[in-house]
């Protein structure tokens, strides 16, 4: 349910993965922790005081299940290409440890359970956003990856929707607030994922996935795009302050973090090495939690 990627690595051939370990990989538990965190952040920023911890827990649990279902469906659909990439070849469906039909049944079951929990525990608006997230990720983004590098931009949409799920669940009538969170998450994902795609460009090429660094042989366009999106993040990150969600301290902190991230993106654009791409990747995953922390502590 998010384009955010991780280094899955190749498991040791000495020990057979356990069913629990396969389930964790199938549902991308570590990646989906970000989905849950941004859902919680959206709820917190939208909710009036005092915060309802039960309602917060319910929407986070439901979103986690929907995200897990989306991750499982993604691995069912990409089982052939997963076998062709070192970072994904050990996934349970790709390796045949789990049948595709079983994976799909789990995916649908998890998603339906999550949607039901959100609907019963919060409201229809949050449920609708969660459903859109699942549909765009599984039915639009996943198949599009085989055909165009623009799939990354499309994939950033479901990755940016979890804060809106949380905000909608809070019952807030603030119309512009959740869109500011959406824009931050949307734009942030692009330099983040371009760095990953550069690092794994050879594996993506072998799998026939049309990521930008695959079609952009020199990396010049990839570097420019990473810098452009990092620059775009600067004004987007100021929207929570302009819309009265967070205070001036947040605005100053967001500006500093944004300039640092932009510097890393420009450095990668000038010297397109794996080392600089890796620094940009780690810089991006440091930027996001710090920005959300500033936003939460600076809530008005």
Protein backbone atom coordinates (compact mmCIF):
# COMPACT_ATOMS: atom_id res chain seq x y z
CA UNK A 1 0.00 0.00 0.00
CA UNK A 2 2.99 2.19 -0.20
CA UNK A 3 5.76 2.60 -2.69
CA UNK A 4 8.26 2.79 0.13
CA UNK A 5 10.73 -0.07 -0.34
CA UNK A 6 13.15 -1.92 1.87
CA UNK A 7 16.26 -4.05 1.55
CA UNK A 8 14.76 -7.52 1.82
CA UNK A 9 18.01 -9.28 1.09
CA UNK A 10 18.51 -12.94 0.37
CA UNK A 11 17.94 -15.37 3.21
CA UNK A 12 20.55 -17.91 4.07
CA UNK A 13 20.14 -21.17 2.21
CA UNK A 14 21.11 -23.06 5.36
CA UNK A 15 17.79 -22.80 7.16
CA UNK A 16 14.30 -23.08 5.71
CA UNK A 17 12.13 -20.03 6.48
CA UNK A 18 9.38 -20.68 9.01
CA UNK A 19 5.69 -20.11 8.19
CA UNK A 20 5.74 -17.10 10.52
CA UNK A 21 8.75 -15.62 8.75
CA UNK A 22 7.01 -16.14 5.39
CA UNK A 23 3.89 -14.43 6.70
CA UNK A 24 5.95 -11.44 7.82
CA UNK A 25 7.54 -11.19 4.36
CA UNK A 26 4.20 -11.70 2.57
CA UNK A 27 2.51 -8.89 4.47
CA UNK A 28 5.59 -6.60 4.52
CA UNK A 29 5.25 -5.97 8.25
CA UNK A 30 8.29 -3.68 8.49
CA UNK A 31 7.30 -1.55 5.50
CA UNK A 32 3.67 -1.35 6.64
CA UNK A 33 4.79 -0.05 10.02
CA UNK A 34 5.22 3.26 8.17
CA UNK A 35 1.66 3.00 6.86
CA UNK A 36 0.35 2.55 10.40
CA UNK A 37 2.52 5.36 11.76
CA UNK A 38 1.32 7.89 9.17
CA UNK A 39 -2.29 6.77 9.69
CA UNK A 40 -1.86 7.41 13.41
CA UNK A 41 -0.26 10.76 12.63
CA UNK A 42 -3.17 11.78 10.42
CA UNK A 43 -5.66 10.79 13.14
CA UNK A 44 -3.75 12.68 15.82
CA UNK A 45 -3.45 15.87 13.77
CA UNK A 46 -7.10 15.82 12.77
CA UNK A 47 -8.64 14.76 16.09
CA UNK A 48 -9.92 17.29 18.62
CA UNK A 49 -8.74 16.94 22.21
CA UNK A 50 -9.06 14.71 24.12
CA UNK A 51 -7.74 11.95 21.87
CA UNK A 52 -9.77 8.72 21.75
CA UNK A 53 -7.12 5.95 22.05
CA UNK A 54 -9.60 3.19 21.21
CA UNK A 55 -10.69 4.84 17.97
CA UNK A 56 -7.05 5.47 17.09
CA UNK A 57 -6.14 1.82 17.71
CA UNK A 58 -9.09 0.61 15.64
CA UNK A 59 -8.27 2.66 12.54
CA UNK A 60 -4.58 1.72 12.80
CA UNK A 61 -5.42 -1.98 13.09
CA UNK A 62 -7.81 -1.82 10.15
CA UNK A 63 -5.32 0.06 7.99
CA UNK A 64 -2.58 -2.42 8.88
CA UNK A 65 -4.76 -5.28 7.66
CA UNK A 66 -5.66 -3.51 4.40
CA UNK A 67 -1.99 -2.70 3.80
CA UNK A 68 -1.03 -6.31 4.52
CA UNK A 69 -3.63 -7.51 2.05
CA UNK A 70 -2.29 -5.14 -0.60
CA UNK A 71 1.27 -6.38 0.00
CA UNK A 72 0.17 -10.01 -0.31
CA UNK A 73 -1.76 -9.35 -3.52
CA UNK A 74 1.26 -7.53 -4.93
CA UNK A 75 3.44 -10.59 -4.33
CA UNK A 76 0.90 -12.87 -5.97
CA UNK A 77 0.83 -10.69 -9.07
CA UNK A 78 4.60 -10.20 -9.20
CA UNK A 79 5.69 -13.76 -8.37
CA UNK A 80 7.37 -14.19 -11.77
CA UNK A 81 9.35 -10.94 -11.68
CA UNK A 82 10.17 -11.49 -7.99
CA UNK A 83 12.09 -14.64 -8.95
CA UNK A 84 14.31 -12.55 -11.23
CA UNK A 85 15.52 -10.10 -8.58
CA UNK A 86 17.91 -10.89 -5.77
CA UNK A 87 16.11 -8.59 -3.35
CA UNK A 88 12.80 -10.40 -3.80
CA UNK A 89 13.64 -13.90 -5.02
CA UNK A 90 13.19 -15.45 -1.57
CA UNK A 91 9.60 -14.29 -1.14
CA UNK A 92 7.35 -17.25 -0.25
CA UNK A 93 5.15 -17.20 -3.36
CA UNK A 94 8.08 -16.59 -5.70
CA UNK A 95 9.86 -19.61 -4.19
CA UNK A 96 6.76 -21.81 -4.30
CA UNK A 97 6.54 -22.23 -0.53
CA UNK A 98 3.06 -20.74 -0.75
CA UNK A 99 0.59 -21.28 -3.58
CA UNK A 100 -0.66 -18.17 -5.42
CA UNK A 101 -4.26 -19.11 -4.64
CA UNK A 102 -3.43 -19.24 -0.94
CA UNK A 103 -1.69 -15.88 -1.12
CA UNK A 104 -4.61 -14.29 -2.94
CA UNK A 105 -7.13 -15.71 -0.48
CA UNK A 106 -5.08 -14.27 2.37
CA UNK A 107 -4.79 -10.93 0.56
CA UNK A 108 -8.53 -10.61 0.01
CA UNK A 109 -9.33 -11.84 3.51
CA UNK A 110 -6.94 -9.39 5.17
CA UNK A 111 -8.18 -6.46 3.08
CA UNK A 112 -11.86 -7.21 3.71
CA UNK A 113 -11.25 -7.66 7.43
CA UNK A 114 -9.39 -4.35 7.57
CA UNK A 115 -12.11 -2.50 5.67
CA UNK A 116 -14.78 -3.96 7.94
CA UNK A 117 -12.88 -2.88 11.05
CA UNK A 118 -12.44 0.67 9.75
CA UNK A 119 -16.11 0.87 8.72
CA UNK A 120 -17.46 -0.45 12.01
CA UNK A 121 -14.93 1.36 14.18
CA UNK A 122 -14.79 4.76 12.51
CA UNK A 123 -16.77 5.92 9.48
CA UNK A 124 -17.54 5.41 5.81
CA UNK A 125 -15.17 8.17 4.64
CA UNK A 126 -12.13 6.47 6.18
CA UNK A 127 -13.27 3.14 4.73
CA UNK A 128 -13.62 4.64 1.26
CA UNK A 129 -10.10 6.10 1.36
CA UNK A 130 -8.69 2.75 2.52
CA UNK A 131 -10.50 0.96 -0.32
CA UNK A 132 -9.16 3.43 -2.90
CA UNK A 133 -5.67 2.86 -1.51
CA UNK A 134 -5.95 -0.91 -1.92
CA UNK A 135 -7.44 -0.71 -5.44
CA UNK A 136 -4.91 1.79 -6.82
CA UNK A 137 -1.96 -0.13 -5.38
CA UNK A 138 -3.02 -3.58 -6.58
CA UNK A 139 -4.97 -2.90 -9.79
CA UNK A 140 -3.21 0.19 -11.17
CA UNK A 141 0.32 0.58 -9.79
CA UNK A 142 1.39 -3.07 -9.73
CA UNK A 143 0.60 -3.90 -13.39
CA UNK A 144 1.77 -0.47 -14.58
CA UNK A 145 5.32 -1.14 -13.35
CA UNK A 146 5.88 -3.45 -16.32
CA UNK A 147 5.06 -0.75 -18.86
CA UNK A 148 6.18 2.73 -17.82
CA UNK A 149 8.49 4.52 -15.41
CA UNK A 150 5.52 6.76 -14.53
CA UNK A 151 4.30 3.86 -12.40
CA UNK A 152 6.43 5.28 -9.59
CA UNK A 153 4.38 8.48 -9.60
CA UNK A 154 1.14 6.50 -9.66
CA UNK A 155 2.40 4.28 -6.84
CA UNK A 156 3.05 7.33 -4.70
CA UNK A 157 -0.71 7.95 -4.56
CA UNK A 158 -1.66 4.93 -2.40
CA UNK A 159 1.50 5.52 -0.40
CA UNK A 160 0.29 9.02 0.43
CA UNK A 161 -3.28 8.11 1.41
CA UNK A 162 -2.83 6.53 4.90
CA UNK A 163 -2.67 9.93 6.69
CA UNK A 164 -5.98 10.76 5.01
CA UNK A 165 -7.46 7.51 6.34
CA UNK A 166 -6.47 8.56 9.84
CA UNK A 167 -7.70 12.12 9.39
CA UNK A 168 -11.05 10.94 8.03
CA UNK A 169 -11.41 8.53 10.96
CA UNK A 170 -10.88 11.41 13.40
CA UNK A 171 -14.11 12.98 12.17
CA UNK A 172 -12.47 16.34 11.50
CA UNK A 173 -14.29 18.64 9.09
CA UNK A 174 -11.05 20.45 8.18
CA UNK A 175 -10.94 20.17 4.39
CA UNK A 176 -7.41 21.30 3.49
CA UNK A 177 -5.47 19.73 6.36
CA UNK A 178 -5.44 16.13 5.14
CA UNK A 179 -4.47 17.20 1.63
CA UNK A 180 -1.35 18.88 2.97
CA UNK A 181 -0.35 15.57 4.57
CA UNK A 182 -1.12 13.75 1.34
CA UNK A 183 1.11 16.09 -0.68
CA UNK A 184 4.01 15.72 1.75
CA UNK A 185 3.83 11.93 1.62
CA UNK A 186 3.32 11.89 -2.15
CA UNK A 187 6.30 14.10 -2.98
CA UNK A 188 8.60 12.55 -0.35
CA UNK A 189 8.26 9.08 -1.84
CA UNK A 190 9.67 10.08 -5.23
CA UNK A 191 13.29 11.00 -4.37
CA UNK A 192 13.21 8.16 -1.83
CA UNK A 193 12.20 5.56 -4.39
CA UNK A 194 14.40 6.95 -7.18
CA UNK A 195 17.38 6.35 -4.91
CA UNK A 196 16.29 2.74 -4.38
CA UNK A 197 15.58 2.23 -8.07
CA UNK A 198 19.07 3.47 -8.92
CA UNK A 199 20.66 1.06 -6.45
CA UNK A 200 18.70 -1.90 -7.87
CA UNK A 201 18.52 -0.78 -11.50
CA UNK A 202 20.25 -3.92 -12.79
CA UNK A 203 17.79 -6.17 -10.96
CA UNK A 204 14.81 -4.16 -12.19
CA UNK A 205 16.16 -4.38 -15.74
CA UNK A 206 16.58 -8.15 -15.45
CA UNK A 207 12.97 -8.44 -14.27
CA UNK A 208 11.68 -6.29 -17.14
CA UNK A 209 10.35 -3.52 -14.90
CA UNK A 210 10.42 -0.09 -16.50
CA UNK A 211 11.83 1.94 -13.61
CA UNK A 212 13.31 5.31 -14.56
CA UNK A 213 16.95 4.30 -13.89
CA UNK A 214 16.42 1.31 -16.22
CA UNK A 215 15.42 3.45 -19.21
CA UNK A 216 17.64 6.37 -18.19
CA UNK A 217 21.01 4.74 -18.78
CA UNK A 218 23.21 7.67 -17.70
CA UNK A 219 21.08 8.55 -14.67
CA UNK A 220 20.95 12.24 -15.67
CA UNK A 221 17.15 12.32 -15.74
CA UNK A 222 16.95 10.27 -12.54
CA UNK A 223 19.18 12.76 -10.74
CA UNK A 224 17.22 15.75 -12.04
CA UNK A 225 13.93 14.16 -11.04
CA UNK A 226 15.18 13.36 -7.54
CA UNK A 227 16.34 16.96 -7.12
CA UNK A 228 13.12 18.38 -8.55
CA UNK A 229 10.93 16.36 -6.21
CA UNK A 230 13.13 17.17 -3.22
CA UNK A 231 12.83 20.86 -4.10
CA UNK A 232 9.06 20.52 -4.45
CA UNK A 233 8.94 19.02 -0.96
CA UNK A 234 10.17 22.32 0.51
CA UNK A 235 6.95 24.33 -0.11
CA UNK A 236 4.76 21.27 0.43
CA UNK A 237 6.24 20.73 3.88
CA UNK A 238 5.19 24.27 4.86
CA UNK A 239 1.50 23.62 4.21
CA UNK A 240 0.73 22.26 7.72
CA UNK A 241 2.00 25.58 9.11
CA UNK A 242 0.12 27.68 6.54
CA UNK A 243 -3.10 25.75 7.17
CA UNK A 244 -2.82 26.12 10.93
CA UNK A 245 -2.08 22.48 11.75
CA UNK A 246 1.40 22.98 13.23
CA UNK A 247 3.29 25.92 14.69
CA UNK A 248 6.24 28.08 13.64
CA UNK A 249 8.78 25.73 15.23
CA UNK A 250 7.57 23.01 12.88
CA UNK A 251 7.88 25.38 9.90
CA UNK A 252 11.50 26.21 10.71
CA UNK A 253 12.40 22.57 11.37
CA UNK A 254 10.71 21.45 8.16
CA UNK A 255 12.66 24.03 6.18
CA UNK A 256 15.98 22.86 7.64
CA UNK A 257 15.17 19.19 7.02
CA UNK A 258 14.00 19.94 3.49
CA UNK A 259 17.17 21.84 2.61
CA UNK A 260 19.31 18.99 3.92
CA UNK A 261 17.36 16.45 1.85
CA UNK A 262 17.59 18.67 -1.22
CA UNK A 263 21.35 18.85 -0.73
CA UNK A 264 21.56 15.05 -0.74
CA UNK A 265 19.42 14.84 -3.89
CA UNK A 266 21.56 17.45 -5.70
CA UNK A 267 24.72 15.62 -4.64
CA UNK A 268 23.32 12.43 -6.17
CA UNK A 269 22.33 14.30 -9.33
CA UNK A 270 25.86 15.70 -9.75
CA UNK A 271 27.68 12.47 -8.90
CA UNK A 272 25.40 9.54 -9.70
CA UNK A 273 27.15 6.86 -7.68
CA UNK A 274 25.67 4.06 -5.63
CA UNK A 275 27.20 5.64 -2.53
CA UNK A 276 25.36 8.92 -3.10
CA UNK A 277 22.13 7.09 -3.91
CA UNK A 278 22.46 5.14 -0.68
CA UNK A 279 23.05 8.35 1.29
CA UNK A 280 19.95 9.87 -0.31
CA UNK A 281 17.95 6.76 0.59
CA UNK A 282 18.99 6.86 4.23
CA UNK A 283 18.56 10.61 4.33
CA UNK A 284 14.99 10.26 3.11
CA UNK A 285 14.07 7.65 5.72
CA UNK A 286 15.58 9.90 8.40
CA UNK A 287 13.76 12.97 7.11
CA UNK A 288 10.24 11.57 7.32
CA UNK A 289 9.98 10.52 11.00
CA UNK A 290 11.70 13.74 12.07
CA UNK A 291 9.21 15.79 10.04
CA UNK A 292 6.23 13.94 11.51
CA UNK A 293 7.64 14.34 15.01
CA UNK A 294 7.95 18.08 14.49
CA UNK A 295 4.42 18.17 13.13
CA UNK A 296 3.00 16.26 16.09
CA UNK A 297 4.87 18.25 18.76
CA UNK A 298 3.94 21.47 17.01
CA UNK A 299 0.23 20.69 16.72
CA UNK A 300 -1.93 23.75 17.30
